[in-house]
Amino acid sequence: MTKFLPLIAVLALNGCATSETTYLNDGEQGLAIDCSGEANSWATCYEKADASCAGTGYRIVGTDGTPSTKESDKTLGVDVGNYKTRSVVVVCK
């Protein structure tokens, strides 16, 4: 079991964005992209959107995520222990 701990730690820190097809209220098809976690960023969401739309471009329909932590709430200048959520809905052009 101890042989697998480093592998599990790497997989937990290694982020990956996921996307799934969704439909907007007007029936238009879009992509819901989730790039939550400490190892990801908003840039990860937009890179996944670009890759999912095969380089044709996309239009951002909505975003949702955890607000940034105030400097006074950080430990030694680092946001420790707070799970970040980030998601974006896009429509490919």
N, C-alpha and C. Protein backbone atom coordinates (compact mmCIF):
# COMPACT_ATOMS: atom_id res chain seq x y z
N MET A 1 0.82 -1.20 0.00
CA MET A 1 0.00 0.00 0.00
C MET A 1 0.87 1.26 0.00
N THR A 2 1.96 1.23 0.73
CA THR A 2 2.80 2.42 0.80
C THR A 2 3.46 2.74 -0.54
N LYS A 3 3.56 1.76 -1.42
CA LYS A 3 4.10 1.99 -2.75
C LYS A 3 3.17 2.87 -3.58
N PHE A 4 1.89 2.82 -3.28
CA PHE A 4 0.91 3.55 -4.06
C PHE A 4 0.64 4.96 -3.55
N LEU A 5 1.08 5.29 -2.34
CA LEU A 5 0.83 6.61 -1.78
C LEU A 5 1.40 7.74 -2.64
N PRO A 6 2.65 7.65 -3.12
CA PRO A 6 3.14 8.74 -3.98
C PRO A 6 2.32 8.88 -5.27
N LEU A 7 1.90 7.77 -5.83
CA LEU A 7 1.07 7.81 -7.04
C LEU A 7 -0.27 8.48 -6.77
N ILE A 8 -0.87 8.13 -5.66
CA ILE A 8 -2.15 8.73 -5.29
C ILE A 8 -1.99 10.23 -5.05
N ALA A 9 -0.90 10.62 -4.40
CA ALA A 9 -0.66 12.04 -4.15
C ALA A 9 -0.48 12.81 -5.45
N VAL A 10 0.25 12.25 -6.40
CA VAL A 10 0.45 12.92 -7.68
C VAL A 10 -0.87 13.04 -8.43
N LEU A 11 -1.67 12.00 -8.43
CA LEU A 11 -2.95 12.05 -9.11
C LEU A 11 -3.91 13.05 -8.47
N ALA A 12 -3.83 13.17 -7.16
CA ALA A 12 -4.70 14.12 -6.46
C ALA A 12 -4.31 15.56 -6.78
N LEU A 13 -3.02 15.84 -6.91
CA LEU A 13 -2.57 17.19 -7.19
C LEU A 13 -2.61 17.53 -8.67
N ASN A 14 -2.52 16.52 -9.49
CA ASN A 14 -2.54 16.74 -10.93
C ASN A 14 -3.97 17.04 -11.35
N GLY A 15 -4.19 18.20 -11.91
CA GLY A 15 -5.54 18.59 -12.26
C GLY A 15 -5.88 18.25 -13.69
N CYS A 16 -7.14 18.02 -13.90
CA CYS A 16 -7.60 17.86 -15.26
C CYS A 16 -9.01 18.44 -15.33
N ALA A 17 -9.29 19.07 -16.44
CA ALA A 17 -10.60 19.65 -16.64
C ALA A 17 -11.49 18.63 -17.34
N THR A 18 -12.74 18.59 -16.96
CA THR A 18 -13.69 17.70 -17.61
C THR A 18 -14.76 18.51 -18.29
N SER A 19 -15.30 17.97 -19.36
CA SER A 19 -16.39 18.67 -20.06
C SER A 19 -17.49 17.68 -20.39
N GLU A 20 -18.70 18.20 -20.43
CA GLU A 20 -19.83 17.37 -20.83
C GLU A 20 -20.83 18.26 -21.57
N THR A 21 -21.56 17.63 -22.46
CA THR A 21 -22.55 18.34 -23.26
C THR A 21 -23.69 18.79 -22.36
N THR A 22 -24.16 19.99 -22.61
CA THR A 22 -25.31 20.52 -21.87
C THR A 22 -26.18 21.29 -22.86
N TYR A 23 -27.39 21.57 -22.47
CA TYR A 23 -28.30 22.34 -23.31
C TYR A 23 -28.76 23.58 -22.57
N LEU A 24 -28.69 24.70 -23.25
CA LEU A 24 -29.11 25.97 -22.66
C LEU A 24 -30.63 26.06 -22.66
N ASN A 25 -31.16 27.07 -22.00
CA ASN A 25 -32.61 27.24 -21.91
C ASN A 25 -33.27 27.39 -23.27
N ASP A 26 -32.56 27.96 -24.24
CA ASP A 26 -33.13 28.14 -25.57
C ASP A 26 -32.93 26.92 -26.46
N GLY A 27 -32.39 25.82 -25.92
CA GLY A 27 -32.20 24.59 -26.67
C GLY A 27 -30.84 24.48 -27.35
N GLU A 28 -30.05 25.56 -27.30
CA GLU A 28 -28.73 25.54 -27.92
C GLU A 28 -27.81 24.59 -27.16
N GLN A 29 -26.98 23.85 -27.91
CA GLN A 29 -26.05 22.90 -27.28
C GLN A 29 -24.78 23.62 -26.86
N GLY A 30 -24.32 23.31 -25.67
CA GLY A 30 -23.09 23.90 -25.16
C GLY A 30 -22.25 22.87 -24.43
N LEU A 31 -21.18 23.33 -23.84
CA LEU A 31 -20.29 22.48 -23.06
C LEU A 31 -20.17 23.03 -21.65
N ALA A 32 -20.38 22.18 -20.67
CA ALA A 32 -20.15 22.55 -19.27
C ALA A 32 -18.77 22.01 -18.90
N ILE A 33 -17.85 22.90 -18.57
CA ILE A 33 -16.47 22.52 -18.29
C ILE A 33 -16.19 22.77 -16.81
N ASP A 34 -15.68 21.73 -16.16
CA ASP A 34 -15.34 21.83 -14.74
C ASP A 34 -13.82 21.74 -14.60
N CYS A 35 -13.22 22.75 -14.01
CA CYS A 35 -11.77 22.75 -13.78
C CYS A 35 -11.49 23.13 -12.33
N SER A 36 -12.20 22.48 -11.44
CA SER A 36 -12.04 22.72 -10.01
C SER A 36 -10.77 22.10 -9.49
N GLY A 37 -10.35 22.54 -8.34
CA GLY A 37 -9.19 21.96 -7.67
C GLY A 37 -8.04 22.92 -7.58
N GLU A 38 -7.13 22.58 -6.71
CA GLU A 38 -5.98 23.44 -6.42
C GLU A 38 -4.99 23.49 -7.58
N ALA A 39 -4.89 22.40 -8.34
CA ALA A 39 -3.90 22.32 -9.42
C ALA A 39 -4.38 22.99 -10.71
N ASN A 40 -5.63 23.38 -10.79
CA ASN A 40 -6.19 24.00 -11.99
C ASN A 40 -6.33 25.50 -11.81
N SER A 41 -6.70 26.16 -12.90
CA SER A 41 -6.95 27.60 -12.88
C SER A 41 -8.02 27.90 -13.91
N TRP A 42 -8.41 29.17 -13.99
CA TRP A 42 -9.37 29.56 -15.03
C TRP A 42 -8.78 29.31 -16.41
N ALA A 43 -7.47 29.47 -16.53
CA ALA A 43 -6.81 29.21 -17.82
C ALA A 43 -7.02 27.77 -18.26
N THR A 44 -7.05 26.84 -17.32
CA THR A 44 -7.30 25.44 -17.64
C THR A 44 -8.68 25.28 -18.26
N CYS A 45 -9.67 25.99 -17.72
CA CYS A 45 -11.02 25.94 -18.28
C CYS A 45 -11.02 26.41 -19.73
N TYR A 46 -10.37 27.53 -19.98
CA TYR A 46 -10.38 28.11 -21.32
C TYR A 46 -9.57 27.28 -22.31
N GLU A 47 -8.50 26.64 -21.84
CA GLU A 47 -7.73 25.74 -22.70
C GLU A 47 -8.57 24.52 -23.07
N LYS A 48 -9.33 23.99 -22.11
CA LYS A 48 -10.21 22.84 -22.38
C LYS A 48 -11.32 23.25 -23.34
N ALA A 49 -11.85 24.46 -23.19
CA ALA A 49 -12.89 24.94 -24.10
C ALA A 49 -12.34 25.04 -25.52
N ASP A 50 -11.15 25.57 -25.67
CA ASP A 50 -10.54 25.71 -26.98
C ASP A 50 -10.29 24.34 -27.61
N ALA A 51 -9.79 23.41 -26.83
CA ALA A 51 -9.53 22.06 -27.34
C ALA A 51 -10.83 21.34 -27.68
N SER A 52 -11.86 21.51 -26.87
CA SER A 52 -13.14 20.85 -27.10
C SER A 52 -13.85 21.40 -28.33
N CYS A 53 -13.61 22.65 -28.63
CA CYS A 53 -14.25 23.28 -29.80
C CYS A 53 -13.38 23.15 -31.05
N ALA A 54 -12.35 22.34 -30.99
CA ALA A 54 -11.48 22.03 -32.13
C ALA A 54 -10.91 23.28 -32.80
N GLY A 55 -10.61 24.30 -32.00
CA GLY A 55 -9.96 25.50 -32.54
C GLY A 55 -10.88 26.42 -33.32
N THR A 56 -12.19 26.17 -33.30
CA THR A 56 -13.12 27.03 -34.03
C THR A 56 -13.53 28.25 -33.23
N GLY A 57 -13.17 28.28 -31.97
CA GLY A 57 -13.54 29.38 -31.09
C GLY A 57 -14.78 29.04 -30.29
N TYR A 58 -15.05 29.85 -29.30
CA TYR A 58 -16.20 29.60 -28.43
C TYR A 58 -16.70 30.92 -27.85
N ARG A 59 -17.92 30.86 -27.36
CA ARG A 59 -18.55 32.01 -26.69
C ARG A 59 -18.85 31.58 -25.26
N ILE A 60 -18.42 32.38 -24.29
CA ILE A 60 -18.66 32.06 -22.88
C ILE A 60 -20.09 32.46 -22.53
N VAL A 61 -20.83 31.48 -22.02
CA VAL A 61 -22.23 31.72 -21.64
C VAL A 61 -22.34 32.04 -20.16
N GLY A 62 -21.53 31.38 -19.35
CA GLY A 62 -21.58 31.63 -17.91
C GLY A 62 -20.38 31.04 -17.19
N THR A 63 -20.08 31.61 -16.04
CA THR A 63 -19.00 31.11 -15.20
C THR A 63 -19.49 31.03 -13.76
N ASP A 64 -18.86 30.15 -13.00
CA ASP A 64 -19.18 30.02 -11.59
C ASP A 64 -17.93 29.53 -10.88
N GLY A 65 -17.68 30.04 -9.70
CA GLY A 65 -16.50 29.58 -8.97
C GLY A 65 -16.40 30.17 -7.59
N THR A 66 -15.47 29.63 -6.84
CA THR A 66 -15.19 30.09 -5.49
C THR A 66 -14.53 31.47 -5.56
N PRO A 67 -15.01 32.43 -4.80
CA PRO A 67 -14.38 33.75 -4.80
C PRO A 67 -12.95 33.67 -4.28
N SER A 68 -12.13 34.59 -4.70
CA SER A 68 -10.75 34.65 -4.23
C SER A 68 -10.71 34.93 -2.74
N THR A 69 -9.75 34.33 -2.07
CA THR A 69 -9.57 34.52 -0.63
C THR A 69 -8.88 35.84 -0.36
N LYS A 70 -9.36 36.56 0.66
CA LYS A 70 -8.72 37.81 1.05
C LYS A 70 -7.33 37.52 1.61
N GLU A 71 -6.42 38.46 1.42
CA GLU A 71 -5.05 38.29 1.91
C GLU A 71 -5.02 38.04 3.41
N SER A 72 -5.93 38.66 4.15
CA SER A 72 -5.94 38.49 5.60
C SER A 72 -6.37 37.08 6.02
N ASP A 73 -7.03 36.34 5.13
CA ASP A 73 -7.47 34.98 5.45
C ASP A 73 -6.46 33.92 5.04
N LYS A 74 -5.36 34.32 4.41
CA LYS A 74 -4.35 33.36 3.96
C LYS A 74 -3.35 33.07 5.07
N THR A 75 -2.74 31.90 5.02
CA THR A 75 -1.71 31.50 5.97
C THR A 75 -0.35 31.72 5.32
N LEU A 76 0.43 32.64 5.85
CA LEU A 76 1.74 32.98 5.30
C LEU A 76 1.65 33.33 3.81
N GLY A 77 0.58 34.01 3.45
CA GLY A 77 0.40 34.44 2.07
C GLY A 77 -0.12 33.39 1.13
N VAL A 78 -0.46 32.20 1.63
CA VAL A 78 -0.94 31.10 0.79
C VAL A 78 -2.33 30.69 1.26
N ASP A 79 -3.20 30.43 0.30
CA ASP A 79 -4.54 29.95 0.61
C ASP A 79 -4.48 28.45 0.83
N VAL A 80 -4.49 28.04 2.09
CA VAL A 80 -4.30 26.63 2.44
C VAL A 80 -5.64 26.01 2.83
N GLY A 81 -5.92 24.85 2.26
CA GLY A 81 -7.06 24.06 2.71
C GLY A 81 -8.41 24.44 2.15
N ASN A 82 -8.47 25.40 1.28
CA ASN A 82 -9.76 25.77 0.71
C ASN A 82 -9.88 25.22 -0.70
N TYR A 83 -10.86 24.36 -0.92
CA TYR A 83 -11.06 23.75 -2.22
C TYR A 83 -11.66 24.77 -3.18
N LYS A 84 -11.06 24.90 -4.33
CA LYS A 84 -11.50 25.87 -5.34
C LYS A 84 -12.44 25.20 -6.34
N THR A 85 -13.58 25.81 -6.57
CA THR A 85 -14.47 25.34 -7.62
C THR A 85 -14.45 26.33 -8.76
N ARG A 86 -14.40 25.82 -9.97
CA ARG A 86 -14.44 26.65 -11.17
C ARG A 86 -15.20 25.88 -12.23
N SER A 87 -16.16 26.54 -12.85
CA SER A 87 -16.85 25.92 -13.98
C SER A 87 -17.25 27.03 -14.96
N VAL A 88 -17.30 26.65 -16.21
CA VAL A 88 -17.65 27.59 -17.27
C VAL A 88 -18.52 26.86 -18.28
N VAL A 89 -19.50 27.54 -18.82
CA VAL A 89 -20.35 26.99 -19.88
C VAL A 89 -20.05 27.78 -21.14
N VAL A 90 -19.72 27.06 -22.22
CA VAL A 90 -19.38 27.71 -23.48
C VAL A 90 -20.21 27.10 -24.61
N VAL A 91 -20.31 27.87 -25.69
CA VAL A 91 -20.94 27.39 -26.93
C VAL A 91 -19.89 27.53 -28.02
N CYS A 92 -19.60 26.44 -28.70
CA CYS A 92 -18.62 26.48 -29.79
C CYS A 92 -19.20 27.25 -30.97
N LYS A 93 -18.33 27.97 -31.67
CA LYS A 93 -18.75 28.76 -32.83
C LYS A 93 -18.81 27.88 -34.06
